Structure formats: C-alpha cells, structure tokens
Protein backbone atom coordinates (compact mmCIF):
# COMPACT_ATOMS: atom_id res chain seq x y z
CA MET A 1 -45.34 -4.30 25.70
CA SER A 2 -48.39 -3.37 27.41
CA LYS A 3 -52.06 -3.01 26.66
CA THR A 4 -51.48 0.68 25.94
CA LEU A 5 -50.40 3.24 23.23
CA LYS A 6 -46.43 2.95 23.54
CA LYS A 7 -44.76 6.24 23.34
CA GLU A 8 -41.36 6.06 22.34
CA GLU A 9 -39.37 9.43 21.92
CA LYS A 10 -36.24 7.56 19.99
CA VAL A 11 -35.19 4.57 18.27
CA GLU A 12 -33.81 2.14 20.66
CA TYR A 13 -30.83 -0.07 19.99
CA THR A 14 -29.31 -3.30 21.16
CA GLY A 15 -25.52 -2.36 20.77
CA ARG A 16 -25.23 -4.90 17.97
CA TYR A 17 -24.81 -4.48 14.30
CA LEU A 18 -26.10 -5.62 11.22
CA VAL A 19 -24.02 -6.09 8.22
CA LEU A 20 -25.71 -6.75 4.67
CA LEU A 21 -23.20 -8.73 2.48
CA PRO A 22 -22.74 -8.22 -1.10
CA GLU A 23 -25.27 -9.76 -3.44
CA GLY A 24 -24.43 -13.20 -4.88
CA SER A 25 -21.58 -13.98 -2.43
CA ASN A 26 -21.77 -17.04 -0.92
CA THR A 27 -21.63 -17.78 2.93
CA ALA A 28 -17.83 -19.06 3.27
CA ASP A 29 -16.35 -16.32 1.13
CA SER A 30 -18.15 -13.69 2.91
CA ILE A 31 -16.64 -15.03 6.05
CA SER A 32 -13.21 -15.24 4.66
CA GLN A 33 -13.58 -11.76 3.32
CA ILE A 34 -14.85 -10.15 6.57
CA ASN A 35 -12.10 -12.14 8.42
CA THR A 36 -9.55 -10.47 6.04
CA ILE A 37 -10.67 -7.18 6.14
CA SER A 38 -11.66 -6.68 10.03
CA GLY A 39 -10.28 -9.43 11.85
CA LEU A 40 -13.43 -10.60 13.16
CA ASN A 41 -14.13 -14.32 13.44
CA LEU A 42 -17.56 -15.15 12.22
CA LYS A 43 -19.69 -18.26 11.94
CA SER A 44 -22.24 -19.53 9.27
CA SER A 45 -25.91 -20.42 10.72
CA LEU A 46 -25.01 -23.55 8.12
CA GLU A 47 -23.06 -24.72 11.33
CA PHE A 48 -26.41 -25.15 13.52
CA GLU A 49 -29.04 -27.75 13.18
CA ASN A 50 -31.82 -26.18 11.00
CA GLU A 51 -29.85 -23.08 11.04
CA PHE A 52 -31.35 -22.37 14.63
CA PHE A 53 -29.05 -20.68 17.07
CA THR A 54 -29.57 -18.77 20.47
CA ASP A 55 -27.93 -15.61 21.75
CA LYS A 56 -25.84 -17.64 23.79
CA ASP A 57 -24.19 -19.05 20.47
CA LEU A 58 -23.89 -15.37 19.33
CA ASP A 59 -22.02 -14.42 22.22
CA LYS A 60 -19.48 -17.19 21.72
CA THR A 61 -18.15 -15.48 18.57
CA ASP A 62 -18.09 -12.06 16.98
CA GLY A 63 -21.18 -12.56 14.86
CA ILE A 64 -22.83 -15.33 12.70
CA VAL A 65 -24.00 -15.07 9.09
CA LEU A 66 -27.63 -15.70 8.01
CA ASP A 67 -26.94 -18.10 4.98
CA LYS A 68 -30.45 -18.00 3.66
CA LEU A 69 -30.23 -13.92 3.76
CA GLY A 70 -26.57 -12.97 3.17
CA ILE A 71 -26.80 -10.77 6.44
CA ALA A 72 -24.14 -11.04 9.29
CA ILE A 73 -25.19 -10.32 12.93
CA VAL A 74 -21.99 -8.98 14.70
CA ASN A 75 -21.55 -8.33 18.24
CA GLU A 76 -20.55 -5.25 19.96
CA LYS A 77 -17.26 -5.89 21.56
CA PRO A 78 -14.25 -3.08 22.54
CA LYS A 79 -12.34 -4.58 19.51
CA ALA A 80 -15.38 -4.61 16.99
CA GLU A 81 -16.02 -0.79 16.43
CA ASN A 82 -12.93 -0.17 14.27
CA SER A 83 -13.31 -3.41 12.48
CA ILE A 84 -17.13 -2.69 11.87
CA SER A 85 -16.11 0.78 10.39
CA SER A 86 -13.72 -1.10 7.97
CA LEU A 87 -16.69 -2.97 6.61
CA GLY A 88 -18.49 -0.14 5.61
CA ASP A 89 -15.97 1.11 3.54
CA ASN A 90 -15.61 -2.10 1.68
CA GLU A 91 -19.17 -1.71 0.08
CA MET A 92 -20.79 -3.46 2.80
CA ILE A 93 -23.70 -1.87 4.55
CA VAL A 94 -23.89 -1.67 8.25
CA GLU A 95 -26.63 -0.91 10.22
CA LYS A 96 -27.21 -0.76 14.04
CA GLU A 97 -29.71 -3.39 15.31
CA ARG A 98 -32.92 -1.65 16.77
CA VAL A 99 -34.94 -2.69 19.48
CA VAL A 100 -38.77 -3.80 17.99
CA TYR A 101 -41.85 -4.42 19.75
CA ALA A 102 -45.18 -6.45 19.53
CA ILE A 103 -47.46 -3.99 18.24
CA GLY A 104 -49.08 -2.62 21.23
CA MET A 105 -53.06 -3.75 21.51
CA LEU A 106 -55.62 -1.24 22.28
CA ASP A 107 -57.81 -2.30 25.33
CA GLU A 108 -61.42 -1.00 25.75
CA SER A 109 -60.52 2.06 27.82
CA THR A 110 -57.77 3.10 25.58
CA GLN A 111 -59.78 2.70 22.39
CA ASN A 112 -62.55 4.75 23.90
CA TYR A 113 -60.12 7.30 24.52
CA VAL A 114 -58.75 7.50 20.94
CA GLU A 115 -62.42 7.35 19.39
CA GLY A 116 -63.47 10.25 21.75
CA TYR A 117 -60.37 12.11 20.44
CA ARG A 118 -61.27 11.45 16.81
CA ASP A 119 -64.80 12.31 17.43
CA ALA A 120 -63.94 15.68 18.99
CA VAL A 121 -61.41 16.48 15.94
CA ASN A 122 -64.14 15.52 13.28
CA HIS A 123 -66.93 17.77 15.23
CA MET A 124 -63.98 20.82 15.08
CA THR A 125 -63.33 19.87 11.47
CA ASN A 126 -66.91 20.25 10.71
CA MET A 127 -67.59 23.30 12.60
CA LEU A 128 -64.46 24.96 10.77
CA VAL A 129 -65.06 23.59 7.07
CA GLY A 130 -68.30 22.01 6.93
CA THR A 131 -69.48 18.46 6.43
CA GLU A 132 -68.27 16.36 3.34
CA THR A 133 -70.90 16.11 0.63
CA GLU A 134 -70.48 12.73 -0.07
CA ASN A 135 -71.43 9.67 2.24
CA PHE A 136 -71.09 6.03 2.03
CA ASN A 137 -73.81 3.92 3.19
CA PHE A 138 -72.22 0.71 4.77
CA GLU A 139 -75.26 -0.69 6.24
CA GLU A 140 -75.27 -3.32 3.59
CA GLN A 141 -71.99 -4.61 4.64
CA ASP A 142 -72.84 -4.39 8.35
CA SER A 143 -75.72 -6.95 7.86
CA GLU A 144 -73.53 -9.40 5.82
CA VAL A 145 -70.70 -9.76 8.38
CA GLU A 146 -72.86 -9.67 11.71
CA SER A 147 -74.47 -13.09 11.09
CA VAL A 148 -73.83 -15.81 13.32
CA GLY A 149 -71.09 -18.53 13.28
CA ALA A 150 -67.94 -16.83 12.34
CA THR A 151 -66.11 -13.59 13.34
CA TRP A 152 -66.93 -10.48 11.03
CA GLY A 153 -63.58 -10.65 9.86
CA LEU A 154 -63.97 -14.07 8.31
CA LYS A 155 -67.15 -12.84 6.62
CA ALA A 156 -65.82 -9.56 5.71
CA THR A 157 -62.81 -11.21 3.73
CA ASN A 158 -65.00 -14.23 2.09
CA VAL A 159 -63.22 -16.79 4.22
CA VAL A 160 -66.85 -17.53 5.00
CA PRO A 161 -68.92 -16.35 2.48
CA SER A 162 -71.98 -14.29 3.27
CA THR A 163 -73.84 -15.75 -0.02
CA PHE A 164 -75.04 -19.32 -0.41
CA LEU A 165 -74.01 -19.01 -3.96
CA ARG A 166 -70.36 -19.02 -3.03
CA TYR A 167 -68.27 -21.49 -0.82
CA ASN A 168 -64.70 -21.76 0.21
CA PRO A 169 -62.96 -25.06 -0.40
CA TYR A 170 -59.63 -23.85 0.86
CA ASN A 171 -58.08 -24.65 4.25
CA GLY A 172 -54.44 -24.36 3.83
CA ALA A 173 -53.36 -27.79 3.33
CA GLY A 174 -49.88 -28.16 2.28
CA ILE A 175 -48.93 -24.87 3.01
CA LYS A 176 -46.39 -23.82 5.75
CA LEU A 177 -47.22 -20.43 7.70
CA ALA A 178 -44.68 -19.08 9.93
CA ILE A 179 -45.66 -16.62 12.88
CA LEU A 180 -42.70 -14.35 14.28
CA ASP A 181 -43.98 -13.08 17.50
CA THR A 182 -44.18 -13.77 21.16
CA GLY A 183 -44.28 -17.58 20.69
CA PHE A 184 -47.66 -19.80 21.24
CA ASP A 185 -49.62 -21.20 24.01
CA PHE A 186 -49.30 -25.09 23.39
CA ASN A 187 -51.62 -25.77 26.18
CA HIS A 188 -54.65 -24.03 24.41
CA PRO A 189 -57.23 -26.53 23.80
CA ASP A 190 -58.41 -25.77 20.28
CA PHE A 191 -54.89 -26.64 18.99
CA ALA A 192 -54.74 -29.87 20.74
CA GLY A 193 -53.20 -32.58 18.54
CA ARG A 194 -52.20 -30.05 15.97
CA PRO A 195 -48.47 -30.57 15.10
CA ILE A 196 -46.51 -27.26 15.43
CA VAL A 197 -42.87 -26.62 14.67
CA HIS A 198 -41.12 -24.11 16.82
CA GLN A 199 -38.16 -22.50 17.92
CA SER A 200 -37.24 -19.70 20.35
CA PHE A 201 -34.74 -17.13 19.32
CA ILE A 202 -34.85 -15.26 22.86
CA SER A 203 -32.32 -16.35 25.35
CA GLY A 204 -33.69 -18.09 28.42
CA GLU A 205 -37.39 -18.10 27.05
CA SER A 206 -38.98 -21.34 25.69
CA THR A 207 -41.40 -20.93 22.55
CA GLN A 208 -44.54 -20.87 25.16
CA ASP A 209 -46.13 -17.58 25.05
CA GLY A 210 -45.89 -15.87 28.25
CA HIS A 211 -47.80 -12.63 26.77
CA GLY A 212 -50.69 -13.57 24.52
CA HIS A 213 -49.99 -11.54 21.60
CA GLY A 214 -48.32 -14.39 19.53
CA THR A 215 -51.28 -16.69 20.37
CA HIS A 216 -53.85 -14.35 19.18
CA CYS A 217 -52.09 -13.98 15.87
CA THR A 218 -51.79 -17.57 15.42
CA GLY A 219 -55.37 -18.26 16.23
CA THR A 220 -56.37 -15.76 13.39
CA SER A 221 -54.21 -17.00 10.94
CA CYS A 222 -54.37 -20.79 11.45
CA GLY A 223 -57.11 -21.51 14.17
CA PRO A 224 -59.35 -24.29 13.91
CA ALA A 225 -62.51 -24.57 11.61
CA SER A 226 -64.55 -25.02 14.65
CA SER A 227 -64.11 -25.25 18.44
CA PRO A 228 -66.52 -26.49 21.29
CA SER A 229 -65.69 -23.45 23.55
CA ALA A 230 -65.26 -20.59 21.04
CA THR A 231 -68.44 -18.16 20.44
CA GLU A 232 -67.57 -18.32 16.99
CA ARG A 233 -64.89 -19.59 14.24
CA TYR A 234 -62.13 -17.14 14.22
CA GLY A 235 -59.35 -19.26 12.31
CA ILE A 236 -58.34 -18.98 8.60
CA ALA A 237 -56.11 -21.53 7.39
CA TYR A 238 -57.03 -24.22 9.71
CA ALA A 239 -55.13 -27.04 7.86
CA ALA A 240 -51.58 -25.25 7.51
CA SER A 241 -48.71 -26.53 8.85
CA ILE A 242 -48.02 -24.18 11.72
CA TYR A 243 -44.40 -22.53 12.67
CA ILE A 244 -43.80 -20.60 15.64
CA GLY A 245 -40.76 -18.70 15.79
CA LYS A 246 -40.39 -16.67 19.05
CA VAL A 247 -38.63 -13.47 18.13
CA LEU A 248 -40.15 -11.43 20.99
CA SER A 249 -40.04 -12.14 24.68
CA ASN A 250 -42.59 -12.66 27.33
CA GLY A 251 -42.50 -8.71 27.68
CA GLY A 252 -43.18 -8.22 24.13
CA SER A 253 -39.66 -7.03 22.74
CA GLY A 254 -36.85 -8.43 20.77
CA GLY A 255 -34.10 -7.11 18.48
CA ASP A 256 -33.74 -6.66 14.57
CA GLY A 257 -31.20 -9.88 14.76
CA GLY A 258 -33.75 -12.14 16.21
CA ILE A 259 -36.29 -11.46 13.92
CA LEU A 260 -33.70 -11.72 10.85
CA ALA A 261 -32.77 -15.12 12.52
CA GLY A 262 -36.55 -16.22 12.71
CA ILE A 263 -36.75 -15.21 9.06
CA ASN A 264 -33.74 -16.96 7.94
CA TRP A 265 -35.00 -20.28 9.96
CA ALA A 266 -38.49 -20.05 8.15
CA ILE A 267 -36.94 -19.68 4.73
CA ALA A 268 -34.41 -22.99 5.73
CA ASN A 269 -37.97 -24.39 6.48
CA ARG A 270 -39.06 -23.73 3.24
CA CYS A 271 -42.24 -21.68 4.70
CA ASP A 272 -44.21 -20.17 2.12
CA VAL A 273 -45.83 -17.16 4.37
CA VAL A 274 -44.22 -15.39 7.36
CA SER A 275 -46.50 -13.06 9.46
CA MET A 276 -44.90 -10.41 11.69
CA SER A 277 -47.07 -8.41 13.86
CA LEU A 278 -44.31 -6.05 15.36
CA ARG A 279 -42.87 -2.82 14.66
CA GLY A 280 -39.81 -0.56 15.70
CA LEU A 281 -40.06 2.96 15.77
CA VAL A 282 -38.69 5.04 12.69
CA ASN A 283 -37.67 8.71 13.07
CA GLY A 284 -37.41 10.64 9.95
CA THR A 285 -37.30 9.06 6.54
CA GLY A 286 -35.86 6.08 5.14
CA TYR A 287 -36.17 2.26 5.47
CA SER A 288 -33.41 -0.38 6.49
CA ALA A 289 -31.66 -1.64 3.50
CA VAL A 290 -30.70 -4.86 5.34
CA PHE A 291 -34.49 -5.57 6.01
CA GLU A 292 -35.32 -4.97 2.46
CA THR A 293 -32.97 -6.88 1.04
CA ALA A 294 -33.63 -9.80 3.30
CA ALA A 295 -37.28 -9.45 2.25
CA ALA A 296 -36.39 -9.35 -1.49
CA ARG A 297 -34.25 -12.19 -0.90
CA ALA A 298 -36.96 -14.21 0.83
CA LEU A 299 -39.59 -13.48 -2.17
CA ALA A 300 -36.83 -14.68 -4.63
CA GLN A 301 -37.05 -18.01 -2.69
CA GLY A 302 -40.79 -18.18 -2.59
CA THR A 303 -41.44 -16.84 0.83
CA LEU A 304 -43.72 -13.78 1.45
CA ILE A 305 -43.26 -11.64 4.39
CA ILE A 306 -46.25 -9.86 5.77
CA ALA A 307 -46.16 -7.14 8.42
CA ALA A 308 -48.25 -4.79 10.57
CA ALA A 309 -48.17 -1.01 9.47
CA GLY A 310 -48.16 0.08 13.07
CA ASN A 311 -50.72 1.70 15.33
CA ASP A 312 -48.96 4.97 15.90
CA SER A 313 -51.66 7.14 14.66
CA ALA A 314 -54.78 9.02 16.11
CA ARG A 315 -57.04 9.74 13.37
CA PRO A 316 -58.04 11.71 11.43
CA GLY A 317 -55.98 14.43 13.55
CA ILE A 318 -52.54 12.43 13.23
CA VAL A 319 -51.73 10.08 10.82
CA LYS A 320 -48.07 8.64 11.24
CA GLN A 321 -45.81 6.74 8.64
CA VAL A 322 -45.86 3.08 8.47
CA MET A 323 -43.24 1.67 10.88
CA HIS A 324 -40.26 -0.62 10.68
CA PRO A 325 -39.77 -3.40 8.96
CA ALA A 326 -43.32 -3.04 7.34
CA ASN A 327 -42.06 0.03 5.49
CA CYS A 328 -39.53 -1.92 3.13
CA PRO A 329 -40.76 -1.95 -0.21
CA SER A 330 -40.68 -5.73 -0.38
CA ILE A 331 -42.77 -6.41 2.81
CA MET A 332 -46.43 -6.73 2.42
CA ALA A 333 -47.68 -3.65 4.76
CA VAL A 334 -51.07 -4.36 6.13
CA GLY A 335 -53.18 -1.50 7.35
CA ALA A 336 -56.67 -2.00 9.74
CA VAL A 337 -60.29 -1.45 9.04
CA ASP A 338 -63.15 -1.69 11.35
CA VAL A 339 -66.84 -3.41 10.60
CA ASN A 340 -68.07 -0.33 8.78
CA MET A 341 -65.19 -0.48 6.47
CA ASN A 342 -63.50 2.70 8.00
CA VAL A 343 -59.81 3.13 8.52
CA ALA A 344 -58.94 1.93 12.08
CA SER A 345 -58.34 5.31 13.91
CA PHE A 346 -54.91 3.82 15.14
CA SER A 347 -53.69 2.70 11.73
CA ASN A 348 -50.61 4.07 10.16
CA GLY A 349 -50.38 5.43 6.70
CA GLY A 350 -48.28 5.32 3.79
CA LEU A 351 -46.68 8.97 3.63
CA TYR A 352 -44.34 8.50 1.12
CA PRO A 353 -44.41 8.08 -2.77
CA THR A 354 -41.50 5.28 -3.21
CA TYR A 355 -41.44 3.46 -0.01
CA GLY A 356 -43.43 3.00 3.09
CA ALA A 357 -46.85 2.17 1.44
CA VAL A 358 -49.80 0.59 2.98
CA ASP A 359 -49.98 -2.40 0.48
CA ILE A 360 -53.42 -4.14 1.77
CA ALA A 361 -55.79 -3.59 4.59
CA ALA A 362 -57.69 -6.35 6.81
CA PRO A 363 -59.96 -6.32 9.95
CA GLY A 364 -58.07 -4.89 12.83
CA VAL A 365 -60.86 -3.57 15.25
CA ASN A 366 -62.73 -6.09 17.88
CA VAL A 367 -60.85 -9.02 16.11
CA TYR A 368 -61.85 -12.25 18.54
CA SER A 369 -59.49 -15.18 18.71
CA SER A 370 -57.58 -17.52 20.67
CA THR A 371 -55.08 -16.09 23.36
CA LYS A 372 -52.72 -17.57 26.28
CA LEU A 373 -54.58 -19.40 29.40
CA PRO A 374 -56.76 -19.04 31.38
CA THR A 375 -58.23 -15.89 29.34
CA LYS A 376 -58.29 -18.67 26.38
CA TYR A 377 -60.24 -16.12 24.22
CA ALA A 378 -60.04 -12.22 23.71
CA SER A 379 -60.90 -9.45 21.21
CA TRP A 380 -58.39 -6.91 20.34
CA ASN A 381 -57.39 -4.29 18.35
CA GLY A 382 -54.66 -3.25 16.13
CA THR A 383 -52.86 -3.57 12.87
CA SER A 384 -50.90 -6.72 14.83
CA MET A 385 -54.74 -8.28 14.36
CA ALA A 386 -55.05 -7.29 10.61
CA THR A 387 -51.68 -8.98 9.53
CA PRO A 388 -52.38 -12.40 10.58
CA HIS A 389 -55.87 -12.20 8.34
CA VAL A 390 -53.82 -11.34 5.22
CA ALA A 391 -51.15 -14.15 6.30
CA GLY A 392 -53.72 -16.83 6.71
CA ILE A 393 -55.77 -15.90 3.27
CA ALA A 394 -52.45 -15.60 1.51
CA ALA A 395 -51.98 -19.37 2.68
CA LEU A 396 -55.71 -20.22 1.03
CA TRP A 397 -54.57 -18.24 -2.11
CA ALA A 398 -51.11 -20.36 -2.20
CA GLN A 399 -53.08 -23.78 -2.08
CA ALA A 400 -55.69 -22.43 -4.24
CA THR A 401 -53.35 -21.59 -6.98
CA GLY A 402 -49.81 -22.64 -6.44
CA LEU A 403 -48.25 -19.10 -6.38
CA ARG A 404 -45.51 -18.18 -4.03
CA GLY A 405 -43.43 -15.11 -3.52
CA ILE A 406 -43.90 -12.23 -5.57
CA ASN A 407 -46.80 -13.69 -7.52
CA LEU A 408 -48.73 -14.50 -4.25
CA TRP A 409 -48.35 -10.82 -3.27
CA ARG A 410 -49.70 -9.59 -6.85
CA LYS A 411 -52.83 -12.41 -6.27
CA LEU A 412 -53.68 -10.87 -2.87
CA THR A 413 -53.43 -7.22 -4.09
CA SER A 414 -55.39 -8.04 -7.56
CA THR A 415 -58.28 -9.83 -5.86
CA ALA A 416 -58.41 -7.23 -2.94
CA LYS A 417 -61.90 -5.59 -2.63
CA ALA A 418 -61.69 -1.88 -3.52
CA LEU A 419 -62.99 0.36 -0.81
CA PRO A 420 -64.07 3.94 -1.04
CA LEU A 421 -60.89 5.13 1.19
CA PRO A 422 -57.58 6.60 0.25
CA GLY A 423 -55.17 4.38 -1.14
CA ARG A 424 -52.52 5.53 1.37
CA ASP A 425 -54.41 4.04 4.14
CA VAL A 426 -55.89 0.73 2.85
CA GLY A 427 -53.58 0.17 -0.44
CA ALA A 428 -55.20 -2.17 -2.69
CA GLY A 429 -58.13 -2.65 -0.50
CA LEU A 430 -59.53 -5.25 1.65
CA VAL A 431 -58.18 -8.55 1.20
CA GLN A 432 -60.35 -11.34 -0.33
CA ALA A 433 -60.21 -15.32 0.44
CA PRO A 434 -60.15 -17.42 -2.73
CA THR A 435 -63.97 -18.92 -3.40
CA LYS A 436 -66.04 -20.82 -5.94
CA THR A 437 -69.43 -20.77 -7.25
CA ARG A 438 -71.64 -23.41 -5.83
CA LEU A 439 -73.07 -25.47 -9.00
CA ILE A 440 -77.13 -25.74 -8.06
CA LYS A 441 -78.69 -28.45 -10.34
CA PHE A 442 -82.58 -27.98 -10.64
CA PRO A 443 -84.54 -31.19 -11.94
CA ILE A 444 -87.02 -30.39 -14.93
CA ASP A 445 -89.76 -33.25 -14.96
CA LYS A 446 -90.95 -32.32 -18.43
CA THR A 447 -89.97 -29.82 -21.15
CA PRO A 448 -92.41 -26.77 -21.74
CA ILE A 449 -94.57 -26.94 -24.92
CA LEU A 450 -93.64 -23.20 -25.96
CA ILE A 451 -90.26 -21.71 -24.72
CA HIS A 452 -90.02 -17.96 -25.77
CA PRO A 453 -86.60 -17.70 -27.72
CA LYS A 454 -85.25 -14.59 -25.80
CA PHE A 455 -85.66 -16.58 -22.50
CA PRO A 456 -84.04 -19.95 -20.93
CA PHE A 457 -87.35 -20.65 -19.39
CA ASP A 458 -90.69 -19.20 -20.64
CA PRO A 459 -91.67 -16.68 -17.70
CA ILE A 460 -95.03 -17.07 -18.57
CA GLY A 461 -95.44 -21.01 -18.67
CA PRO A 462 -96.63 -23.18 -21.47
CA ILE A 463 -99.06 -21.97 -23.84
CA GLU A 464 -101.76 -24.47 -25.19
CA LYS A 465 -103.70 -24.46 -28.44
CA ILE A 466 -107.21 -24.28 -27.48
CA ILE A 467 -109.75 -25.72 -30.17
CA ARG A 468 -113.23 -24.31 -30.25
C-alpha cells in the first residue's frame, strides 16, 4: 500500500478457495464429509495452539477449517480443482480468496488534489443548477472541537466532553479489542509496559509493524490517556486489552484467508470488538457469503466486527460503493467525516437498499495518532482512521453497559449523533461515547425568608417586612 489512491481495475485473487460449511455442523464431521466428497485432507484450527497457524502450516495440508467460523481455507493444487467443484455441488458455498489491502491513506498533496477536484465540480454544479437554498452552520461545532488537550475527533465523539457538565468515566478496562491490520510498533514509547497479545498471520513477517498503518489505528482505538511527547491526547480505550493480529504485510496487503484466520483467533481469545481498516475491491453487485456468515457467527458469539467503508470516492462527482468486507450486512461499516461535519470527499457510500450500507460515521480527516518509529506520530485521512474511533468507543460502551455482539451494535447506532447528511453516507450519524452528568453541589448558608412557589430559588431574593 502506498500513500496514494490505489486504482485497481479488477478484483485480485490469491489462488486459494474459501469454503463455507453448513450451519450447525461441527468441525470433525465437516472434515470427514469433505474428505469423503472430495478426497481433500483438511486439518482443524483446533489442532494448533490458540488456533493460530501460518501459511507454512496451510501449505503442508490441503486446507484448514476455522473452528469458530465454520469456514475452510483450501489450497490451490492440481488435484484440487475438481474436488473443490464437488463441494459446491454438495450445498457448500465456495468462493475464491481475494487480495485485500490496508485502505490507502491520503497524504497532503493527494488530499489537496481531491479537494480541488471536489471544489471544481461544486463550482460547475452551482453554475448549472444554482446553489442549495438550505445551509447548515457548523461554526459552533468548530469551536467545540478545536479546544486544546485532545484531538478534534475525541472531542467531536464525546470521548472528551466539550462541556464541564459531562464527563467520561470509561476507559475500556476489562474489554478485549483486536486490531487486524499491518501489526504494531512495539517500540513506541507511548505503549511502554502495556501488555499486548499478538500473532502474525503473514508468513515470514513478525507482528512488528513495518508499515505504520496498524500502529496508527491501534493508537486511535487504544492509545494512552496522556503522553509526554504527543501534542494532544489521541487514544480512546486506553485501558482496554490490546490484541494485534497481523493480517496485512509490511507492504499493506494480505488475503481473505488470513483475515478470516485473524477473526477466528480473535473469537478464540474472546475479543469483544474487532477493528479492520482494510478492503478488497468489489466489481458489480453482491457481497461475500463467506464473510457475511463469519461476521454473523462472530456476532452470535459476542464479537462485533467493525470495518472501513473504503476511500474510493471523489465527491461530489463520484461516490463508490462500500467495499469488501465492510459491505456485508453483519459487519459494521464506517464512513468518514471532517471537522466541519461534512462527508469526507473520499468516503464511500451505501448504494444498495439491502446490503452495503454505511452504518455509522466517525472522524476520518486530519486524524492525529501514533505511527511506527522514527516518525512516531502522524495525521492521516481515511475511513481507516474513522474505523478505530468506532472500535474504541465500542469498547467504552461494552464496559459501561455489559452489552456484546448485536446488542452492542444497536447501542452504538441508537446513541449516534444525527447529522444533516444523507444516511447513505453517514448511516445512523456520528458515533458518540458514553458519558455521565457531573453532580455539582452548591452550599446554602441559610434558607431565604420568602421563596416564590414557581421557582426553586427566588430570583429576586428574600423580601423583608418593613414596619413604619
């Protein structure tokens, strides 16, 4: 992945296959059934410690069944072609494994180009059809989120409330949050001493982040409450347990199978929230039945998967559909907004009535967070940056309410702040963190002589009787 808009012309495939096993079947029976039908020799993820395996393990067999998801990753081998076709004839859904990328971040020059394109299209539109008659003033919102001490995103989402009367007592303690991305820079000083569980699903690469994308997303979702070197607070669930699954290489790419293996690993470790700032290209209509089933089964086991909608649009002229795997109905898709509460020019939209919706929106422009050394900190743009906002806030709601799975999803959408923007672009609205009202007690030295019955405290003060 590079810091430019990536323009793939077609979906890329790895050569492997994903096989969705029938609902309710156990792993051992499924392996036996597949062997009988196709002659393929598969293993179970349960045969590996913590259900973690690598590409090398996969290469030693015909495939591996992910126990928590009921999905098999099958290798491409000369003998496998007809065998895999036979599975499809026996009520098993078979899909090709596609290549998935860390969603491209936009650097300043690219962002300026996109914004210039947007402004030019806006100007042309205004010349042809006139300006809109209804305008929304966000000056008040600007003044709220530009104050010192935390990123504008944390203020806009109420992680750091902008009013003294509200406060946030939640920090994600007791919640397990998995970030499936390019790994993490374990040398970052802001995370020194912080326990982090991690696994790499990329052959030949450790979990150490050689890219920076994963460290940035981890910083937003789980970064510290304070840092001696950061210019402002950037982390949300600073007491959550961090689980790092490296499913994308240092070059920013990976396969569906690695991502599914990462999801299976997160469920096996009882992670409450999974954050995925990645995407595969979608040509035409439809979504992956394999990923949809995986996400639905994860929800049933109490794990909420949150994913980025994608950065393929060039608004207002071009709005692209939500990309894979966020377009699955059981994965919460996140769109991006800027500090003025406008839809980010690159953010994809929900173009279809029954799937591929944007479910919620979060800050995704000029997002300050940690990244790999020696850079240490960076401000980036993308739905990749919006997604960990929602994941971190999901951890806060999970701590505050005890809700998990689909109930946690509903809490996030029901408490979102409505925006004067199409639901196609922002879903339920801007994600909001749980807060409490600050109880303020004022000492009262003495009771007034006369209290007006319509007021708790007489606005004109006590009235004394005057004797003449």
